[in-house]
Protein backbone atom coordinates (compact mmCIF):
# COMPACT_ATOMS: atom_id res chain seq x y z
CA UNK A 1 11.30 17.49 -15.39
CA UNK A 2 12.35 17.95 -11.51
CA UNK A 3 13.19 14.88 -9.80
CA UNK A 4 13.69 13.85 -6.37
CA UNK A 5 14.63 10.25 -4.85
CA UNK A 6 13.64 8.25 -2.02
CA UNK A 7 15.31 5.06 -1.24
CA UNK A 8 18.90 3.51 -0.78
CA UNK A 9 21.99 3.61 -2.64
CA UNK A 10 20.55 5.94 -5.29
CA UNK A 11 24.13 7.38 -6.14
CA UNK A 12 24.44 5.46 -9.84
CA UNK A 13 20.91 6.16 -10.76
CA UNK A 14 21.36 9.88 -9.96
CA UNK A 15 24.45 9.93 -12.31
CA UNK A 16 22.27 8.60 -14.92
CA UNK A 17 19.46 11.14 -14.43
CA UNK A 18 22.04 14.06 -14.72
CA UNK A 19 23.33 12.34 -17.98
CA UNK A 20 19.72 12.34 -19.35
CA UNK A 21 19.21 16.26 -18.55
CA UNK A 22 16.61 15.79 -15.63
CA UNK A 23 16.88 18.06 -12.94
CA UNK A 24 17.57 16.82 -9.72
CA UNK A 25 15.70 18.80 -6.70
CA UNK A 26 15.19 18.18 -3.11
CA UNK A 27 11.62 19.85 -2.82
CA UNK A 28 8.73 20.34 -5.12
CA UNK A 29 9.34 17.72 -7.70
CA UNK A 30 7.49 16.94 -10.89
CA UNK A 31 8.36 13.36 -10.25
CA UNK A 32 9.89 11.16 -7.39
CA UNK A 33 11.76 7.95 -8.31
CA UNK A 34 11.42 5.47 -5.71
CA UNK A 35 14.29 3.29 -5.60
CA UNK A 36 13.61 0.22 -3.82
CA UNK A 37 10.69 -2.17 -3.47
CA UNK A 38 7.22 -2.27 -2.59
CA UNK A 39 8.07 -0.80 0.90
CA UNK A 40 9.77 2.20 -0.59
CA UNK A 41 6.89 2.92 -2.55
CA UNK A 42 4.64 2.65 0.23
CA UNK A 43 6.74 5.27 2.48
CA UNK A 44 7.17 7.46 -0.58
CA UNK A 45 3.63 7.64 -1.36
CA UNK A 46 2.80 8.01 2.60
CA UNK A 47 5.55 11.16 2.93
CA UNK A 48 4.50 12.53 -0.50
CA UNK A 49 1.15 11.97 -1.42
CA UNK A 50 -0.20 12.54 -4.80
CA UNK A 51 3.03 13.33 -6.46
CA UNK A 52 3.87 11.11 -9.46
CA UNK A 53 6.16 8.49 -8.73
CA UNK A 54 8.30 6.17 -10.88
CA UNK A 55 9.28 2.80 -8.83
CA UNK A 56 12.81 1.01 -9.96
CA UNK A 57 14.20 -1.64 -8.07
CA UNK A 58 17.48 -1.12 -6.43
CA UNK A 59 20.04 -2.79 -8.60
CA UNK A 60 21.69 -4.55 -5.49
CA UNK A 61 18.96 -6.31 -4.58
CA UNK A 62 17.54 -7.13 -8.02
CA UNK A 63 18.26 -8.37 -11.29
CA UNK A 64 15.95 -6.47 -13.80
CA UNK A 65 14.74 -7.66 -17.00
CA UNK A 66 15.77 -5.59 -20.27
CA UNK A 67 12.26 -3.70 -20.37
CA UNK A 68 12.77 -2.44 -16.55
CA UNK A 69 16.55 -1.57 -16.51
CA UNK A 70 17.22 2.00 -15.05
CA UNK A 71 18.22 3.44 -18.56
CA UNK A 72 15.33 2.07 -20.42
CA UNK A 73 12.64 3.23 -18.03
CA UNK A 74 13.87 6.73 -17.56
CA UNK A 75 14.47 6.91 -21.48
CA UNK A 76 10.94 6.01 -22.10
CA UNK A 77 9.83 8.47 -19.38
CA UNK A 78 11.78 11.30 -21.34
CA UNK A 79 10.10 10.33 -24.57
CA UNK A 80 6.58 10.43 -22.90
CA UNK A 81 5.82 6.91 -23.83
CA UNK A 82 5.73 5.83 -19.86
CA UNK A 83 1.41 6.05 -19.11
CA UNK A 84 0.73 7.39 -15.89
CA UNK A 85 -1.46 5.50 -13.88
CA UNK A 86 -3.92 5.90 -10.95
CA UNK A 87 -4.49 3.51 -8.01
CA UNK A 88 -7.10 3.86 -5.16
CA UNK A 89 -6.37 4.22 -1.60
CA UNK A 90 -8.59 3.54 1.57
CA UNK A 91 -9.20 5.78 4.23
CA UNK A 92 -10.35 5.89 7.51
CA UNK A 93 -10.40 8.78 10.76
CA UNK A 94 -9.04 7.79 13.99
CA UNK A 95 -8.00 10.14 16.82
CA UNK A 96 -9.29 13.05 14.83
CA UNK A 97 -6.88 12.48 11.92
CA UNK A 98 -7.82 10.94 8.46
CA UNK A 99 -5.39 8.67 7.02
CA UNK A 100 -4.92 6.64 3.71
CA UNK A 101 -3.60 3.76 2.81
CA UNK A 102 -2.25 2.55 -0.68
CA UNK A 103 -1.68 -1.42 0.44
CA UNK A 104 -4.07 -1.90 3.64
CA UNK A 105 -5.27 -1.50 6.86
CA UNK A 106 -4.59 -4.04 9.65
CA UNK A 107 -6.82 -4.25 12.90
CA UNK A 108 -5.62 -6.82 15.09
CA UNK A 109 -5.46 -8.14 18.69
CA UNK A 110 -2.61 -5.88 20.51
CA UNK A 111 -2.06 -8.96 22.81
CA UNK A 112 -0.98 -11.96 20.79
CA UNK A 113 -2.31 -14.18 23.70
CA UNK A 114 -6.11 -12.79 23.64
CA UNK A 115 -8.35 -12.60 20.72
CA UNK A 116 -10.55 -9.75 20.19
CA UNK A 117 -14.44 -9.77 19.64
CA UNK A 118 -15.66 -7.61 17.10
CA UNK A 119 -18.78 -6.86 14.56
CA UNK A 120 -18.90 -5.64 11.09
CA UNK A 121 -22.22 -3.90 11.19
CA UNK A 122 -24.62 -3.87 9.49
CA UNK A 123 -23.04 -6.61 7.03
CA UNK A 124 -22.44 -9.05 9.84
CA UNK A 125 -24.45 -8.38 13.45
CA UNK A 126 -22.95 -11.56 14.75
CA UNK A 127 -19.86 -11.39 17.22
CA UNK A 128 -16.81 -12.59 15.75
CA UNK A 129 -13.56 -13.74 17.51
CA UNK A 130 -10.17 -13.93 16.41
CA UNK A 131 -6.87 -11.76 15.73
CA UNK A 132 -8.74 -9.08 13.28
CA UNK A 133 -9.21 -7.96 9.87
CA UNK A 134 -7.56 -6.57 6.73
CA UNK A 135 -8.81 -4.07 4.62
CA UNK A 136 -7.01 -4.03 1.18
CA UNK A 137 -6.93 -2.12 -1.94
CA UNK A 138 -6.54 -3.94 -5.24
CA UNK A 139 -2.68 -2.98 -5.19
CA UNK A 140 -2.33 -4.34 -1.83
CA UNK A 141 -4.52 -7.51 -2.59
CA UNK A 142 -1.39 -9.49 -3.79
CA UNK A 143 0.29 -9.24 0.21
CA UNK A 144 -1.17 -9.88 3.37
CA UNK A 145 -4.66 -10.14 2.04
CA UNK A 146 -3.65 -12.55 -0.41
CA UNK A 147 -1.68 -14.64 2.32
CA UNK A 148 -4.73 -15.19 4.37
CA UNK A 149 -7.45 -15.28 1.44
CA UNK A 150 -5.33 -17.20 -1.42
CA UNK A 151 -7.21 -14.32 -3.83
CA UNK A 152 -6.64 -11.48 -5.31
CA UNK A 153 -9.19 -8.54 -6.56
CA UNK A 154 -9.13 -5.56 -9.22
CA UNK A 155 -11.67 -3.50 -8.47
CA UNK A 156 -13.17 -1.81 -5.13
CA UNK A 157 -11.78 -2.86 -1.68
CA UNK A 158 -11.40 -6.20 0.09
CA UNK A 159 -11.89 -7.09 3.76
CA UNK A 160 -10.31 -10.44 4.91
CA UNK A 161 -10.99 -11.92 8.33
CA UNK A 162 -8.06 -12.98 10.38
CA UNK A 163 -7.83 -16.12 12.10
CA UNK A 164 -11.33 -16.08 13.40
CA UNK A 165 -12.59 -19.04 15.10
CA UNK A 166 -15.31 -19.53 12.37
CA UNK A 167 -13.82 -19.58 8.92
CA UNK A 168 -15.51 -16.54 7.09
CA UNK A 169 -15.05 -15.90 3.28
CA UNK A 170 -13.55 -12.73 2.16
CA UNK A 171 -15.80 -9.72 0.98
CA UNK A 172 -15.10 -7.36 -1.46
CA UNK A 173 -17.00 -4.16 -1.57
CA UNK A 174 -17.89 -2.02 -4.77
CA UNK A 175 -16.05 1.42 -5.01
CA UNK A 176 -18.92 3.64 -3.70
CA UNK A 177 -19.53 1.11 -0.49
CA UNK A 178 -18.05 1.54 3.03
CA UNK A 179 -17.86 -0.89 5.80
CA UNK A 180 -17.57 -0.52 9.56
CA UNK A 181 -15.54 -2.10 12.22
CA UNK A 182 -16.71 -2.24 15.77
CA UNK A 183 -14.52 -3.61 18.82
CA UNK A 184 -16.80 -5.07 21.42
CA UNK A 185 -13.90 -6.34 23.57
CA UNK A 186 -10.34 -6.56 23.75
CA UNK A 187 -7.29 -4.52 23.24
CA UNK A 188 -6.85 -3.77 19.36
CA UNK A 189 -4.79 -1.77 17.42
CA UNK A 190 -4.51 -0.27 13.85
CA UNK A 191 -1.55 -0.19 11.48
CA UNK A 192 -1.51 0.81 7.65
CA UNK A 193 0.78 0.04 5.01
CA UNK A 194 4.25 -0.17 6.48
CA UNK A 195 4.04 3.00 8.74
CA UNK A 196 5.43 2.81 11.98
CA UNK A 197 2.79 4.53 13.41
CA UNK A 198 0.18 2.36 15.47
CA UNK A 199 -3.24 3.53 16.88
CA UNK A 200 -4.92 2.16 19.74
CA UNK A 201 -8.68 1.19 19.30
CA UNK A 202 -10.97 1.47 22.73
CA UNK A 203 -13.49 -1.19 23.34
CA UNK A 204 -16.85 0.00 21.97
CA UNK A 205 -15.21 2.35 19.38
CA UNK A 206 -15.98 1.90 15.55
CA UNK A 207 -14.06 2.97 12.61
CA UNK A 208 -15.32 3.41 9.08
CA UNK A 209 -13.29 2.55 6.07
CA UNK A 210 -14.15 3.64 2.24
CA UNK A 211 -12.15 4.37 -0.68
CA UNK A 212 -10.40 7.81 -0.65
CA UNK A 213 -10.76 10.51 -3.02
CA UNK A 214 -7.05 10.52 -3.09
CA UNK A 215 -5.09 8.48 -5.65
CA UNK A 216 -1.69 7.28 -6.03
CA UNK A 217 0.09 8.37 -9.46
CA UNK A 218 2.32 5.51 -10.43
CA UNK A 219 4.67 5.12 -13.75
CA UNK A 220 5.09 1.62 -14.49
CA UNK A 221 4.02 -0.05 -11.23
CA UNK A 222 4.40 -3.34 -13.05
CA UNK A 223 8.16 -2.97 -12.29
CA UNK A 224 7.69 -4.05 -8.90
CA UNK A 225 5.50 -7.17 -9.70
CA UNK A 226 7.44 -8.19 -12.98
CA UNK A 227 8.02 -12.12 -13.11
CA UNK A 228 11.01 -11.63 -15.39
CA UNK A 229 12.90 -9.26 -12.84
CA UNK A 230 14.86 -11.59 -10.15
CA UNK A 231 14.69 -10.10 -6.79
CA UNK A 232 18.27 -11.08 -4.92
CA UNK A 233 17.41 -12.35 -1.27
CA UNK A 234 19.93 -11.40 1.19
């Protein structure tokens, strides 16, 4: 199996991979080891979409449980006992390009001192005033979405309202549904996952969101959410 690495401080794990007779490559891998945390995995999927990934916590920032130690994960992979799971992604089109997100899309006011006015037609034609919205996948629902709603979900995708004047409950959409955001007034911006890309949203414009046909393929994603692995806070 051809393996490529993404992340910091990969030296020790690279030596382990060589000892287990995996082939380390710099292009066209069968598998990418995302060595870090959630952010490393997100950036890895963004740069190399669709290629199977194995996330492993960086030993310098995490004391791992026996199940998720590097050697255990790699040997289980080598023995073909590590199942490959597919995770849904969201997509939208802006500035004539389609972008996908494994975690979430965030639309918010570009200027912190000014709220934006927007609608979610045809679900809610009412004019809404606030900081914006978060559109999340099930994977991303444990992050920003949860911090706003105190909820998570496992199917479809979710919409949360960020600091609106009127409190609005989140909406969970089915896999085949779509939702539209329309900016009525104010300066808005779109970001996604942990990308540094930022897209301006003009007044009167609409953005449509739906689940993508693309899937993220991840081995043992629970290694990033394991309650028995202790992340060391620097």
